[in-house]
Amino acid sequence: MKKTFLLVSLTCLSLGAAAAQGTLTLPGAVNRALQAGPDVTTARANLRQAEAELRAARADPSPLITSLTQAEQGLQMAQVNLSATKLNVAQEVITQYLGAYEASEGLRVSEARMGLDERQLQIARARLQAKTGTQLDVNRAETALNDSRQTVRDARAQEPILKSALLKTLGQGAGSVSLSVPSSPPRLSVPLTTLQSGLSQRSPLVVQAAQAVEMAQLQVKISDNDYTPARTLQDARTNLANAQRQLESAQRGAANQVRDAYRAAEDALSRVGIARQSLQNAQTALSQAETRLKAGTVAQVDVESARVQVQQARLGVSQAEGGVWRALAGLSVAAGRDVTGLVR
């Protein structure tokens, strides 16, 4: 047993070290968090405890019906919480991964922008010396360059912080890691009505409200006799009515959350097409600028500017696709059902 435990521990440590020093993918990051992340580990432990408590309650030769019901509900709640925790953790990892990746890509764009601003400042100074430009042009170019340099400094400082937060969520210590380009998000193929149905078995808040109704019904049942004070039965029926209203409210709220999250996902998907069109336009502009450079009708700096615009547009596509991933992760949490394809 000790050898087996040691082997498993060493395997987990080696996998963690590999991820902390190598290249990480979005599916790999989500999978690692679901396998070894602290939140999911705690939820699994709570499920095992609930299973043990139910076994103990059933093994009791004369269990109280309320105690047995509470143990059964505890197991159901632990199962629902484990599923919900996985979806919440996946959402957190997706958000952190994309945030860190987009920050890295944004840094490259900012560095390209800074290089272009440096060139623009050189041109402004040359024009001033040739008396074809003004000091104001130079001042504006210096301001733009200083702003670009500050943006780059901020981005360089932020990048390791974002990656460190991601590694922490994955249950790993500090380390260096490079992030792979996220794959394109899946299409939203599940109908809204499908995601809204069955929330009474998937939404923790709805399940909790349903269990309150079940327990209130049980209290009414055991109080409805000739040896229990009438006031006790009256109070039990009042509690049942309140619990039923709370359940209805929880069901409406959960359905509305799914609807809103679904609309957000649809909107995010539509923005990807707009971003891709912007990229296509930028690439066309770059191609035209390169052609004009060969014809001698534009300067090299105009081509450099067009290249930066292409980089910016590519980042826009990445951010738009990242918005879809985030929206799908939010929809998964709201519906209690994975629609990202990343939660196993």
Protein backbone atom coordinates (compact mmCIF):
# COMPACT_ATOMS: atom_id res chain seq x y z
CA MET A 1 0.00 0.00 0.00
CA LYS A 2 2.81 2.45 0.89
CA LYS A 3 4.62 1.67 -2.36
CA THR A 4 1.46 2.27 -4.35
CA PHE A 5 0.80 5.58 -2.59
CA LEU A 6 4.41 6.65 -3.16
CA LEU A 7 4.18 5.79 -6.86
CA VAL A 8 0.95 7.77 -7.27
CA SER A 9 2.40 10.73 -5.40
CA LEU A 10 5.58 10.75 -7.49
CA THR A 11 3.52 10.51 -10.68
CA CYS A 12 1.37 13.50 -9.68
CA LEU A 13 4.47 15.49 -8.75
CA SER A 14 6.20 14.71 -12.04
CA LEU A 15 3.10 15.67 -14.03
CA GLY A 16 2.79 18.90 -12.08
CA ALA A 17 6.44 19.73 -12.66
CA ALA A 18 6.09 19.01 -16.37
CA ALA A 19 3.14 21.36 -16.68
CA ALA A 20 4.87 24.05 -14.63
CA GLN A 21 7.96 23.99 -16.87
CA GLY A 22 6.59 23.06 -20.30
CA THR A 23 3.71 23.95 -22.55
CA LEU A 24 0.14 23.90 -21.32
CA THR A 25 -3.01 23.58 -23.42
CA LEU A 26 -6.47 24.77 -22.50
CA PRO A 27 -7.97 21.25 -22.31
CA GLY A 28 -4.91 20.09 -20.37
CA ALA A 29 -5.25 22.93 -17.89
CA VAL A 30 -8.93 22.19 -17.29
CA ASN A 31 -8.25 18.47 -16.93
CA ARG A 32 -5.43 19.08 -14.46
CA ALA A 33 -7.62 21.31 -12.31
CA LEU A 34 -10.39 18.71 -12.31
CA GLN A 35 -7.97 15.96 -11.34
CA ALA A 36 -5.78 17.66 -8.77
CA GLY A 37 -7.26 21.10 -8.04
CA PRO A 38 -8.02 21.83 -4.36
CA ASP A 39 -11.72 22.69 -4.87
CA VAL A 40 -12.59 19.49 -6.72
CA THR A 41 -10.51 17.45 -4.28
CA THR A 42 -12.52 18.91 -1.39
CA ALA A 43 -15.82 18.24 -3.17
CA ARG A 44 -14.81 14.61 -3.74
CA ALA A 45 -13.92 14.26 -0.07
CA ASN A 46 -17.33 15.68 0.90
CA LEU A 47 -19.01 13.15 -1.39
CA ARG A 48 -17.14 10.27 0.24
CA GLN A 49 -18.15 11.56 3.65
CA ALA A 50 -21.81 11.79 2.58
CA GLU A 51 -21.67 8.22 1.24
CA ALA A 52 -20.25 7.03 4.55
CA GLU A 53 -22.94 8.86 6.52
CA LEU A 54 -25.69 7.31 4.41
CA ARG A 55 -24.22 3.84 4.85
CA ALA A 56 -24.13 4.40 8.60
CA ALA A 57 -27.73 5.61 8.62
CA ARG A 58 -28.92 2.59 6.65
CA ALA A 59 -26.97 0.24 8.88
CA ASP A 60 -28.79 1.54 11.94
CA PRO A 61 -31.30 -1.15 12.95
CA SER A 62 -33.88 1.45 13.96
CA PRO A 63 -33.12 4.68 12.10
CA LEU A 64 -35.26 7.77 12.49
CA ILE A 65 -36.96 8.64 9.23
CA THR A 66 -35.77 12.23 9.45
CA SER A 67 -32.16 11.16 9.99
CA LEU A 68 -32.30 8.75 7.06
CA THR A 69 -33.87 11.38 4.82
CA GLN A 70 -31.22 13.92 5.80
CA ALA A 71 -28.47 11.42 4.99
CA GLU A 72 -30.03 10.67 1.60
CA GLN A 73 -30.35 14.36 0.87
CA GLY A 74 -26.78 14.92 1.99
CA LEU A 75 -25.55 12.41 -0.56
CA GLN A 76 -27.65 13.95 -3.33
CA MET A 77 -26.39 17.43 -2.45
CA ALA A 78 -22.77 16.23 -2.39
CA GLN A 79 -23.19 14.69 -5.85
CA VAL A 80 -24.71 17.89 -7.24
CA ASN A 81 -22.05 20.03 -5.56
CA LEU A 82 -19.26 17.92 -7.06
CA SER A 83 -20.68 18.38 -10.55
CA ALA A 84 -21.22 22.11 -9.95
CA THR A 85 -17.71 22.48 -8.52
CA LYS A 86 -16.22 20.91 -11.64
CA LEU A 87 -18.08 23.36 -13.84
CA ASN A 88 -17.11 26.33 -11.64
CA VAL A 89 -13.47 25.26 -11.62
CA ALA A 90 -13.52 24.79 -15.39
CA GLN A 91 -14.94 28.29 -15.76
CA GLU A 92 -12.21 29.71 -13.53
CA VAL A 93 -9.44 27.89 -15.40
CA ILE A 94 -10.82 28.92 -18.80
CA THR A 95 -11.01 32.54 -17.66
CA GLN A 96 -7.51 32.52 -16.21
CA TYR A 97 -5.94 30.64 -19.12
CA LEU A 98 -7.45 32.95 -21.71
CA GLY A 99 -6.59 36.01 -19.63
CA ALA A 100 -2.94 34.94 -19.42
CA TYR A 101 -2.77 33.95 -23.09
CA GLU A 102 -4.40 37.16 -24.30
CA ALA A 103 -2.05 39.16 -22.06
CA SER A 104 0.94 37.46 -23.72
CA GLU A 105 -0.43 38.15 -27.18
CA GLY A 106 -1.31 41.68 -26.19
CA LEU A 107 2.26 42.19 -25.01
CA ARG A 108 3.58 41.22 -28.44
CA VAL A 109 1.19 43.64 -30.10
CA SER A 110 2.21 46.39 -27.67
CA GLU A 111 5.88 45.73 -28.39
CA ALA A 112 5.19 45.97 -32.13
CA ARG A 113 3.28 49.19 -31.51
CA MET A 114 6.20 50.54 -29.48
CA GLY A 115 8.60 49.73 -32.32
CA LEU A 116 6.36 51.57 -34.74
CA ASP A 117 6.14 54.57 -32.42
CA GLU A 118 9.92 54.63 -32.16
CA ARG A 119 10.10 54.75 -35.93
CA GLN A 120 7.45 57.49 -36.04
CA LEU A 121 9.50 59.55 -33.58
CA GLN A 122 12.60 59.15 -35.74
CA ILE A 123 10.63 60.36 -38.75
CA ALA A 124 9.19 63.32 -36.83
CA ARG A 125 12.68 64.39 -35.72
CA ALA A 126 14.04 63.99 -39.25
CA ARG A 127 11.20 66.13 -40.62
CA LEU A 128 11.83 68.76 -37.98
CA GLN A 129 15.49 68.89 -38.92
CA ALA A 130 14.54 69.12 -42.60
CA LYS A 131 12.05 71.86 -41.74
CA THR A 132 9.16 69.82 -43.13
CA GLY A 133 7.71 69.16 -39.70
CA THR A 134 7.14 70.97 -36.40
CA GLN A 135 8.22 70.56 -32.81
CA LEU A 136 4.61 69.76 -32.00
CA ASP A 137 4.84 66.72 -34.27
CA VAL A 138 7.91 65.59 -32.35
CA ASN A 139 6.19 66.17 -29.00
CA ARG A 140 3.18 64.13 -30.09
CA ALA A 141 5.41 61.30 -31.30
CA GLU A 142 7.32 61.33 -27.99
CA THR A 143 4.06 61.20 -26.05
CA ALA A 144 2.82 58.27 -28.12
CA LEU A 145 6.11 56.43 -27.59
CA ASN A 146 6.11 57.06 -23.84
CA ASP A 147 2.55 55.74 -23.66
CA SER A 148 3.54 52.64 -25.62
CA ARG A 149 6.54 52.02 -23.38
CA GLN A 150 4.38 52.28 -20.28
CA THR A 151 1.86 49.86 -21.79
CA VAL A 152 4.65 47.38 -22.48
CA ARG A 153 6.03 47.72 -18.95
CA ASP A 154 2.60 47.12 -17.45
CA ALA A 155 1.98 44.11 -19.69
CA ARG A 156 5.34 42.56 -18.86
CA ALA A 157 4.64 42.94 -15.15
CA GLN A 158 1.11 41.52 -15.44
CA GLU A 159 1.94 38.43 -17.51
CA PRO A 160 3.71 36.38 -14.77
CA ILE A 161 1.03 37.33 -12.24
CA LEU A 162 -1.72 35.94 -14.45
CA LYS A 163 0.20 32.72 -15.12
CA SER A 164 0.94 32.30 -11.42
CA ALA A 165 -2.77 32.59 -10.61
CA LEU A 166 -3.52 29.92 -13.21
CA LEU A 167 -0.95 27.53 -11.77
CA LYS A 168 -2.36 28.08 -8.29
CA THR A 169 -5.84 27.10 -9.50
CA LEU A 170 -4.33 23.98 -11.04
CA GLY A 171 -2.98 23.03 -7.63
CA GLN A 172 0.64 23.65 -8.62
CA GLY A 173 3.37 25.79 -7.22
CA ALA A 174 5.18 28.63 -8.88
CA GLY A 175 6.95 27.91 -12.14
CA SER A 176 7.35 28.98 -15.71
CA VAL A 177 4.86 27.79 -18.29
CA SER A 178 4.05 28.66 -21.87
CA LEU A 179 0.46 28.55 -23.07
CA SER A 180 -0.58 27.00 -26.36
CA VAL A 181 -2.91 28.79 -28.72
CA PRO A 182 -6.47 27.95 -27.58
CA SER A 183 -8.45 25.95 -30.10
CA SER A 184 -11.54 27.50 -31.64
CA PRO A 185 -14.54 27.14 -29.32
CA PRO A 186 -17.32 24.70 -30.22
CA ARG A 187 -20.61 25.79 -31.68
CA LEU A 188 -23.60 26.14 -29.39
CA SER A 189 -25.60 23.13 -30.55
CA VAL A 190 -27.73 22.39 -27.48
CA PRO A 191 -31.20 24.04 -27.54
CA LEU A 192 -32.10 26.44 -24.75
CA THR A 193 -35.09 24.33 -23.70
CA THR A 194 -32.83 21.32 -23.23
CA LEU A 195 -30.52 23.25 -20.92
CA GLN A 196 -33.45 24.63 -18.93
CA SER A 197 -35.00 21.21 -18.36
CA GLY A 198 -33.74 19.06 -15.51
CA LEU A 199 -32.43 21.97 -13.44
CA SER A 200 -34.11 20.42 -10.39
CA GLN A 201 -31.44 17.70 -10.54
CA ARG A 202 -28.45 19.85 -11.55
CA SER A 203 -28.73 23.30 -9.97
CA PRO A 204 -27.47 23.32 -6.37
CA LEU A 205 -29.87 26.12 -5.39
CA VAL A 206 -32.87 24.36 -6.93
CA VAL A 207 -31.89 21.00 -5.44
CA GLN A 208 -31.48 22.62 -2.04
CA ALA A 209 -34.93 24.24 -2.33
CA ALA A 210 -36.47 20.95 -3.48
CA GLN A 211 -34.94 19.15 -0.51
CA ALA A 212 -36.40 21.77 1.81
CA VAL A 213 -39.83 21.03 0.33
CA GLU A 214 -39.27 17.29 0.77
CA MET A 215 -38.29 17.75 4.40
CA ALA A 216 -41.23 20.09 5.01
CA GLN A 217 -43.60 17.51 3.51
CA LEU A 218 -42.12 14.91 5.82
CA GLN A 219 -42.66 17.16 8.84
CA VAL A 220 -46.30 17.62 7.84
CA LYS A 221 -46.72 13.87 7.46
CA ILE A 222 -45.27 12.99 10.85
CA SER A 223 -47.18 15.81 12.55
CA ASP A 224 -50.58 14.88 11.09
CA ASN A 225 -51.86 12.63 13.88
CA ASP A 226 -53.88 12.75 17.10
CA TYR A 227 -50.89 12.82 19.47
CA THR A 228 -49.09 15.86 18.05
CA PRO A 229 -50.23 19.36 19.04
CA ALA A 230 -52.36 21.03 16.36
CA ARG A 231 -50.09 24.08 16.41
CA THR A 232 -47.14 21.91 15.40
CA LEU A 233 -49.06 20.64 12.38
CA GLN A 234 -50.13 24.17 11.51
CA ASP A 235 -46.54 25.40 11.68
CA ALA A 236 -45.38 22.47 9.55
CA ARG A 237 -47.94 23.29 6.86
CA THR A 238 -46.88 26.95 6.91
CA ASN A 239 -43.24 25.93 6.52
CA LEU A 240 -44.21 23.67 3.63
CA ALA A 241 -46.04 26.49 1.85
CA ASN A 242 -43.03 28.78 2.32
CA ALA A 243 -40.66 26.09 1.05
CA GLN A 244 -42.80 25.53 -2.04
CA ARG A 245 -42.77 29.25 -2.84
CA GLN A 246 -39.01 29.34 -2.42
CA LEU A 247 -38.67 26.35 -4.72
CA GLU A 248 -40.75 28.03 -7.41
CA SER A 249 -38.65 31.17 -7.08
CA ALA A 250 -35.42 29.16 -7.32
CA GLN A 251 -36.68 27.36 -10.42
CA ARG A 252 -37.61 30.62 -12.13
CA GLY A 253 -34.31 32.22 -11.19
CA ALA A 254 -32.29 29.26 -12.48
CA ALA A 255 -34.22 29.16 -15.76
CA ASN A 256 -33.69 32.90 -16.23
CA GLN A 257 -29.96 32.56 -15.57
CA VAL A 258 -29.70 29.86 -18.22
CA ARG A 259 -31.66 32.02 -20.68
CA ASP A 260 -29.42 35.04 -20.08
CA ALA A 261 -26.24 32.95 -20.31
CA TYR A 262 -27.50 31.37 -23.53
CA ARG A 263 -28.10 34.78 -25.09
CA ALA A 264 -24.64 35.90 -24.00
CA ALA A 265 -23.12 32.86 -25.72
CA GLU A 266 -25.04 33.59 -28.93
CA ASP A 267 -23.86 37.20 -28.84
CA ALA A 268 -20.25 36.12 -28.27
CA LEU A 269 -20.43 33.75 -31.24
CA SER A 270 -21.67 36.54 -33.49
CA ARG A 271 -18.75 38.75 -32.47
CA VAL A 272 -16.26 36.18 -33.73
CA GLY A 273 -17.47 36.71 -37.29
CA ILE A 274 -17.08 40.46 -36.94
CA ALA A 275 -13.53 40.06 -35.61
CA ARG A 276 -12.57 37.70 -38.43
CA GLN A 277 -13.89 40.17 -40.98
CA SER A 278 -11.79 42.90 -39.36
CA LEU A 279 -8.74 40.65 -39.65
CA GLN A 280 -9.48 39.99 -43.30
CA ASN A 281 -9.77 43.73 -43.91
CA ALA A 282 -6.45 44.37 -42.16
CA GLN A 283 -4.73 41.67 -44.19
CA THR A 284 -6.11 43.18 -47.38
CA ALA A 285 -4.85 46.61 -46.33
CA LEU A 286 -1.40 45.13 -45.63
CA SER A 287 -1.30 43.45 -49.02
CA GLN A 288 -2.23 46.72 -50.71
CA ALA A 289 0.40 48.62 -48.71
CA GLU A 290 3.11 46.12 -49.74
CA THR A 291 2.05 46.48 -53.39
CA ARG A 292 2.15 50.26 -53.15
CA LEU A 293 5.57 50.10 -51.49
CA LYS A 294 6.91 48.21 -54.48
CA ALA A 295 5.33 50.83 -56.74
CA GLY A 296 6.96 53.58 -54.69
CA THR A 297 3.70 55.27 -53.70
CA VAL A 298 3.98 54.66 -49.94
CA ALA A 299 6.82 54.51 -47.42
CA GLN A 300 8.12 51.53 -45.45
CA VAL A 301 6.59 52.94 -42.29
CA ASP A 302 3.15 52.64 -43.86
CA VAL A 303 3.72 48.91 -44.38
CA GLU A 304 4.96 48.57 -40.80
CA SER A 305 1.82 50.31 -39.58
CA ALA A 306 -0.35 47.94 -41.62
CA ARG A 307 1.48 44.95 -40.12
CA VAL A 308 0.78 46.19 -36.62
CA GLN A 309 -2.88 46.54 -37.56
CA VAL A 310 -2.90 42.90 -38.68
CA GLN A 311 -1.38 41.86 -35.35
CA GLN A 312 -4.02 43.89 -33.53
CA ALA A 313 -6.77 42.30 -35.60
CA ARG A 314 -5.43 38.81 -34.90
CA LEU A 315 -5.53 39.63 -31.21
CA GLY A 316 -9.11 40.79 -31.72
CA VAL A 317 -10.01 37.38 -33.14
CA SER A 318 -8.35 35.64 -30.20
CA GLN A 319 -10.24 37.85 -27.78
CA ALA A 320 -13.53 37.24 -29.57
CA GLU A 321 -13.02 33.49 -29.51
CA GLY A 322 -11.98 33.79 -25.88
CA GLY A 323 -15.27 35.57 -25.27
CA VAL A 324 -17.08 32.54 -26.66
CA TRP A 325 -15.14 30.19 -24.38
CA ARG A 326 -15.98 32.37 -21.40
CA ALA A 327 -19.65 32.58 -22.37
CA LEU A 328 -19.89 28.81 -22.85
CA ALA A 329 -18.24 28.26 -19.47
CA GLY A 330 -20.75 30.63 -17.86
CA LEU A 331 -23.62 28.85 -19.59
CA SER A 332 -22.29 25.52 -18.33
CA VAL A 333 -22.31 26.79 -14.76
CA ALA A 334 -25.81 28.23 -15.09
CA ALA A 335 -27.23 25.08 -16.70
CA GLY A 336 -25.32 22.61 -14.57
CA ARG A 337 -24.25 20.89 -17.78
CA ASP A 338 -21.01 21.24 -19.70
CA VAL A 339 -21.28 22.80 -23.14
CA THR A 340 -17.56 23.56 -23.55
CA GLY A 341 -16.55 19.96 -24.19
CA LEU A 342 -13.70 20.34 -21.70
CA VAL A 343 -15.25 18.84 -18.55
CA ARG A 344 -14.91 15.09 -18.33
